[in-house]
Amino acid sequence: MQFYRPLKPIKALTFDLDDTLYDNRPVIRRAEQAMYDWLHSKHPVSRMLTVADWMALKLRLANIDPWLRHDVTLWRFELLKIGLMQLGYSLNQATQAANDGVATVLAVRNQVDVPPETHRVLALLAQRVPLVAITNGNVDADKIGLSGYFSHLLQAGRDGAAKPAPDMFVRAAQLIGVPCENILHVGDHLHTDVSGALLNGYQACWFNDLNRCLHREPRARRLPDIEISSLAALLDVVAE
């Protein structure tokens, strides 16, 4: 645990989900593969587009409608719909297929292995202060067994623009009635989590379980208040 500045009294915690409370990288790889497997099986015409083609289309769609970057589920829906329409599907056919594809991907997306230590730490912290989840992703916290620890769960798209935008940080503070300066946000991402928290008046805890060097990170624009390598460290930071 590394302190970069003294902490103010912590009266609430907000948490990023992906790659903070569990390893999300293999989950996303499986979900992406599930999409292509489903496309090739149910809609063989999709083989006319390579993975690179799909990725290029995804970026073009976000350039046309920047809001898609804030709602990853909608972004995937539009990708499948537009991609299949470009391959000859009618709007109705593409819409139905896109809905099916999103459902297929989300089923895999929510197959997350949450470490027992995460459950232990969150259960203890929830007895001390309010906890709020703030995520840019689209995992279903209820389906992965985490929703019970949080008084509120905020998700980009549904609840506003993605971090580091103010929307969800402001909303979280309003929901729990705690001044921003007394909320510690915990997350692995130096831009969306650390900079996002600090820019919005929160205290910031960088979760660094990969032993990265802060001063060599290109996204390190601001020093967090505290750096931890295990969630259990928070038990020493948040008073009983």
Protein backbone atom coordinates (compact mmCIF):
# COMPACT_ATOMS: atom_id res chain seq x y z
CA MET A 1 0.00 0.00 0.00
CA GLN A 2 1.36 3.38 -1.04
CA PHE A 3 0.00 6.75 0.09
CA TYR A 4 0.61 9.74 -2.17
CA ARG A 5 -1.31 12.26 -0.05
CA PRO A 6 -3.17 12.13 3.28
CA LEU A 7 -6.68 10.75 3.05
CA LYS A 8 -9.69 12.69 4.26
CA PRO A 9 -12.25 10.75 6.33
CA ILE A 10 -13.82 8.04 4.14
CA LYS A 11 -17.58 7.87 4.52
CA ALA A 12 -18.34 5.82 1.37
CA LEU A 13 -16.60 3.78 -1.31
CA THR A 14 -17.31 3.53 -5.01
CA PHE A 15 -15.94 0.64 -7.03
CA ASP A 16 -15.11 -0.04 -10.61
CA LEU A 17 -16.09 -3.63 -11.46
CA ASP A 18 -14.14 -5.03 -14.42
CA ASP A 19 -10.49 -5.84 -13.65
CA THR A 20 -10.86 -4.42 -10.15
CA LEU A 21 -13.12 -6.93 -8.44
CA TYR A 22 -12.27 -9.78 -10.83
CA ASP A 23 -10.13 -10.48 -13.88
CA ASN A 24 -12.25 -9.43 -16.83
CA ARG A 25 -9.73 -9.98 -19.62
CA PRO A 26 -10.47 -13.67 -20.28
CA VAL A 27 -14.19 -12.95 -20.01
CA ILE A 28 -14.07 -10.38 -22.79
CA ARG A 29 -12.00 -12.68 -25.00
CA ARG A 30 -14.56 -15.46 -24.57
CA ALA A 31 -17.46 -13.09 -25.20
CA GLU A 32 -15.89 -11.74 -28.40
CA GLN A 33 -15.22 -15.26 -29.65
CA ALA A 34 -18.78 -16.24 -28.78
CA MET A 35 -20.05 -13.46 -31.02
CA TYR A 36 -18.04 -14.60 -34.02
CA ASP A 37 -18.89 -18.26 -33.41
CA TRP A 38 -22.57 -17.37 -33.25
CA LEU A 39 -22.38 -15.21 -36.38
CA HIS A 40 -20.64 -17.92 -38.40
CA SER A 41 -23.06 -20.60 -37.19
CA LYS A 42 -26.39 -18.76 -37.44
CA HIS A 43 -25.56 -16.25 -40.17
CA PRO A 44 -22.95 -17.80 -42.49
CA VAL A 45 -22.99 -14.76 -44.77
CA SER A 46 -21.09 -12.96 -42.00
CA ARG A 47 -17.97 -14.90 -43.01
CA MET A 48 -17.66 -12.41 -45.85
CA LEU A 49 -16.37 -9.95 -43.25
CA THR A 50 -13.12 -10.55 -41.41
CA VAL A 51 -12.57 -9.72 -37.76
CA ALA A 52 -10.67 -6.65 -38.93
CA ASP A 53 -13.69 -5.64 -41.03
CA TRP A 54 -15.99 -5.89 -38.02
CA MET A 55 -13.59 -3.87 -35.89
CA ALA A 56 -13.28 -1.17 -38.53
CA LEU A 57 -17.07 -0.96 -38.77
CA LYS A 58 -17.30 -0.70 -34.99
CA LEU A 59 -14.99 2.32 -35.00
CA ARG A 60 -16.84 3.96 -37.89
CA LEU A 61 -20.12 3.64 -36.05
CA ALA A 62 -18.65 5.30 -32.95
CA ASN A 63 -17.33 8.15 -35.07
CA ILE A 64 -20.81 8.66 -36.49
CA ASP A 65 -22.52 8.37 -33.09
CA PRO A 66 -20.05 9.06 -30.25
CA TRP A 67 -22.62 8.10 -27.62
CA LEU A 68 -22.09 4.45 -28.56
CA ARG A 69 -18.76 4.56 -26.71
CA HIS A 70 -20.75 5.17 -23.53
CA ASP A 71 -23.12 2.24 -24.02
CA VAL A 72 -21.24 -0.90 -25.00
CA THR A 73 -24.38 -3.03 -25.30
CA LEU A 74 -26.00 -0.60 -27.71
CA TRP A 75 -22.69 -0.36 -29.58
CA ARG A 76 -22.62 -4.11 -30.12
CA PHE A 77 -26.27 -4.13 -31.18
CA GLU A 78 -25.65 -1.43 -33.78
CA LEU A 79 -22.52 -3.21 -34.99
CA LEU A 80 -24.39 -6.44 -35.64
CA LYS A 81 -27.42 -4.72 -37.14
CA ILE A 82 -25.52 -2.48 -39.52
CA GLY A 83 -23.03 -5.19 -40.43
CA LEU A 84 -25.74 -7.64 -41.39
CA MET A 85 -27.67 -4.98 -43.30
CA GLN A 86 -24.53 -4.31 -45.32
CA LEU A 87 -24.51 -8.01 -46.12
CA GLY A 88 -28.06 -7.88 -47.49
CA TYR A 89 -30.35 -8.32 -44.49
CA SER A 90 -33.52 -6.25 -44.22
CA LEU A 91 -33.88 -3.91 -41.24
CA ASN A 92 -36.26 -6.33 -39.51
CA GLN A 93 -34.02 -9.32 -40.14
CA ALA A 94 -30.93 -7.48 -38.96
CA THR A 95 -32.66 -6.12 -35.87
CA GLN A 96 -33.83 -9.57 -34.78
CA ALA A 97 -30.42 -11.06 -35.44
CA ALA A 98 -28.69 -8.27 -33.54
CA ASN A 99 -30.93 -8.82 -30.52
CA ASP A 100 -30.13 -12.54 -30.60
CA GLY A 101 -26.43 -11.82 -30.96
CA VAL A 102 -26.36 -9.42 -28.02
CA ALA A 103 -28.17 -11.97 -25.86
CA THR A 104 -25.62 -14.61 -26.85
CA VAL A 105 -22.69 -12.38 -25.97
CA LEU A 106 -24.19 -11.22 -22.67
CA ALA A 107 -24.72 -14.81 -21.57
CA VAL A 108 -20.98 -15.41 -21.89
CA ARG A 109 -20.13 -11.92 -20.61
CA ASN A 110 -21.79 -12.75 -17.30
CA GLN A 111 -19.84 -15.95 -16.76
CA VAL A 112 -17.40 -14.33 -14.36
CA ASP A 113 -15.30 -16.01 -11.68
CA VAL A 114 -15.34 -13.64 -8.74
CA PRO A 115 -12.55 -14.51 -6.27
CA PRO A 116 -13.66 -15.52 -2.76
CA GLU A 117 -11.42 -12.76 -1.41
CA THR A 118 -13.48 -10.17 -3.25
CA HIS A 119 -16.64 -11.44 -1.58
CA ARG A 120 -14.95 -11.45 1.84
CA VAL A 121 -13.62 -7.90 1.57
CA LEU A 122 -16.81 -6.42 0.12
CA ALA A 123 -18.92 -8.06 2.82
CA LEU A 124 -16.77 -6.52 5.55
CA LEU A 125 -16.60 -3.10 3.91
CA ALA A 126 -20.36 -3.00 3.38
CA GLN A 127 -20.76 -3.27 7.15
CA ARG A 128 -18.69 -0.11 7.60
CA VAL A 129 -19.67 2.34 4.84
CA PRO A 130 -22.05 2.53 1.86
CA LEU A 131 -20.69 0.92 -1.32
CA VAL A 132 -21.66 1.95 -4.86
CA ALA A 133 -20.60 0.29 -8.12
CA ILE A 134 -19.70 2.56 -11.04
CA THR A 135 -18.94 0.68 -14.25
CA ASN A 136 -18.32 1.53 -17.88
CA GLY A 137 -19.05 -2.08 -18.80
CA ASN A 138 -22.22 -4.10 -19.12
CA VAL A 139 -21.75 -6.94 -16.68
CA ASP A 140 -24.86 -7.90 -14.69
CA ALA A 141 -23.73 -7.57 -11.06
CA ASP A 142 -26.70 -9.60 -9.89
CA LYS A 143 -25.86 -12.54 -12.15
CA ILE A 144 -22.23 -12.62 -11.02
CA GLY A 145 -23.19 -12.44 -7.35
CA LEU A 146 -22.00 -8.95 -6.45
CA SER A 147 -25.14 -6.83 -6.34
CA GLY A 148 -25.88 -7.56 -2.69
CA TYR A 149 -22.88 -5.59 -1.46
CA PHE A 150 -23.84 -2.34 -3.17
CA SER A 151 -26.55 0.12 -2.25
CA HIS A 152 -26.56 1.32 -5.88
CA LEU A 153 -25.13 0.13 -9.19
CA LEU A 154 -24.47 2.71 -11.89
CA GLN A 155 -23.76 1.63 -15.46
CA ALA A 156 -22.54 3.79 -18.33
CA GLY A 157 -25.17 4.35 -20.98
CA ARG A 158 -28.11 3.57 -18.75
CA ASP A 159 -27.00 5.99 -16.03
CA GLY A 160 -25.06 8.57 -18.01
CA ALA A 161 -21.79 9.05 -19.81
CA ALA A 162 -18.89 6.70 -19.12
CA LYS A 163 -16.12 7.52 -16.67
CA PRO A 164 -14.22 9.84 -16.49
CA ALA A 165 -17.27 11.98 -17.31
CA PRO A 166 -18.97 13.44 -14.23
CA ASP A 167 -22.39 11.81 -14.69
CA MET A 168 -22.02 8.69 -12.58
CA PHE A 169 -19.69 10.22 -10.02
CA VAL A 170 -22.16 13.04 -9.37
CA ARG A 171 -25.08 10.63 -9.27
CA ALA A 172 -23.38 8.28 -6.81
CA ALA A 173 -22.70 11.10 -4.34
CA GLN A 174 -26.31 12.28 -4.64
CA LEU A 175 -27.72 8.80 -4.08
CA ILE A 176 -25.81 8.16 -0.86
CA GLY A 177 -25.79 11.76 0.40
CA VAL A 178 -22.05 11.88 1.04
CA PRO A 179 -19.77 14.79 0.02
CA CYS A 180 -17.53 13.84 -2.89
CA GLU A 181 -14.39 14.63 -0.89
CA ASN A 182 -15.34 11.91 1.60
CA ILE A 183 -15.81 9.21 -1.06
CA LEU A 184 -12.92 6.99 -2.10
CA HIS A 185 -13.22 5.56 -5.61
CA VAL A 186 -11.38 2.28 -6.21
CA GLY A 187 -10.43 1.22 -9.73
CA ASP A 188 -7.68 -0.22 -11.90
CA HIS A 189 -7.76 2.32 -14.73
CA LEU A 190 -5.58 5.39 -14.39
CA HIS A 191 -7.66 7.50 -16.76
CA THR A 192 -11.28 6.50 -16.24
CA ASP A 193 -10.97 5.67 -12.54
CA VAL A 194 -8.12 7.67 -11.02
CA SER A 195 -8.37 10.81 -13.16
CA GLY A 196 -12.14 10.51 -13.28
CA ALA A 197 -12.42 10.39 -9.51
CA LEU A 198 -10.02 13.27 -8.90
CA LEU A 199 -11.56 15.48 -11.58
CA ASN A 200 -14.93 15.03 -9.91
CA GLY A 201 -13.84 15.80 -6.37
CA TYR A 202 -13.44 12.24 -5.12
CA GLN A 203 -10.43 10.67 -3.50
CA ALA A 204 -8.84 8.04 -5.73
CA CYS A 205 -7.47 4.59 -4.99
CA TRP A 206 -5.53 2.91 -7.77
CA PHE A 207 -5.93 -0.87 -7.69
CA ASN A 208 -2.65 -2.16 -9.07
CA ASP A 209 -2.55 -5.93 -8.74
CA LEU A 210 -0.27 -6.30 -11.80
CA ASN A 211 2.69 -4.53 -10.19
CA ARG A 212 2.75 -1.76 -12.76
CA CYS A 213 5.06 1.19 -12.27
CA LEU A 214 2.96 4.32 -11.89
CA HIS A 215 5.65 6.64 -13.25
CA ARG A 216 5.98 4.58 -16.42
CA GLU A 217 2.27 4.41 -17.18
CA PRO A 218 1.31 6.60 -20.17
CA ARG A 219 -2.17 7.16 -18.73
CA ALA A 220 -0.86 8.44 -15.40
CA ARG A 221 -1.86 12.08 -15.64
CA ARG A 222 -2.62 12.45 -11.92
CA LEU A 223 -1.36 10.77 -8.80
CA PRO A 224 -3.95 8.74 -6.93
CA ASP A 225 -4.35 9.40 -3.24
CA ILE A 226 -3.49 5.79 -2.50
CA GLU A 227 -2.28 2.72 -4.40
CA ILE A 228 -3.11 -0.84 -3.34
CA SER A 229 -2.25 -4.24 -4.74
CA SER A 230 -4.96 -6.21 -2.93
CA LEU A 231 -8.52 -5.34 -2.00
CA ALA A 232 -7.89 -6.46 1.57
CA ALA A 233 -5.75 -3.35 2.05
CA LEU A 234 -8.94 -1.32 2.08
CA LEU A 235 -9.85 -2.93 5.38
CA ASP A 236 -6.93 -1.06 6.93
CA VAL A 237 -7.99 2.21 5.31
CA VAL A 238 -11.70 2.26 6.09
CA ALA A 239 -12.38 2.45 9.81
CA GLU A 240 -14.70 -0.02 11.46
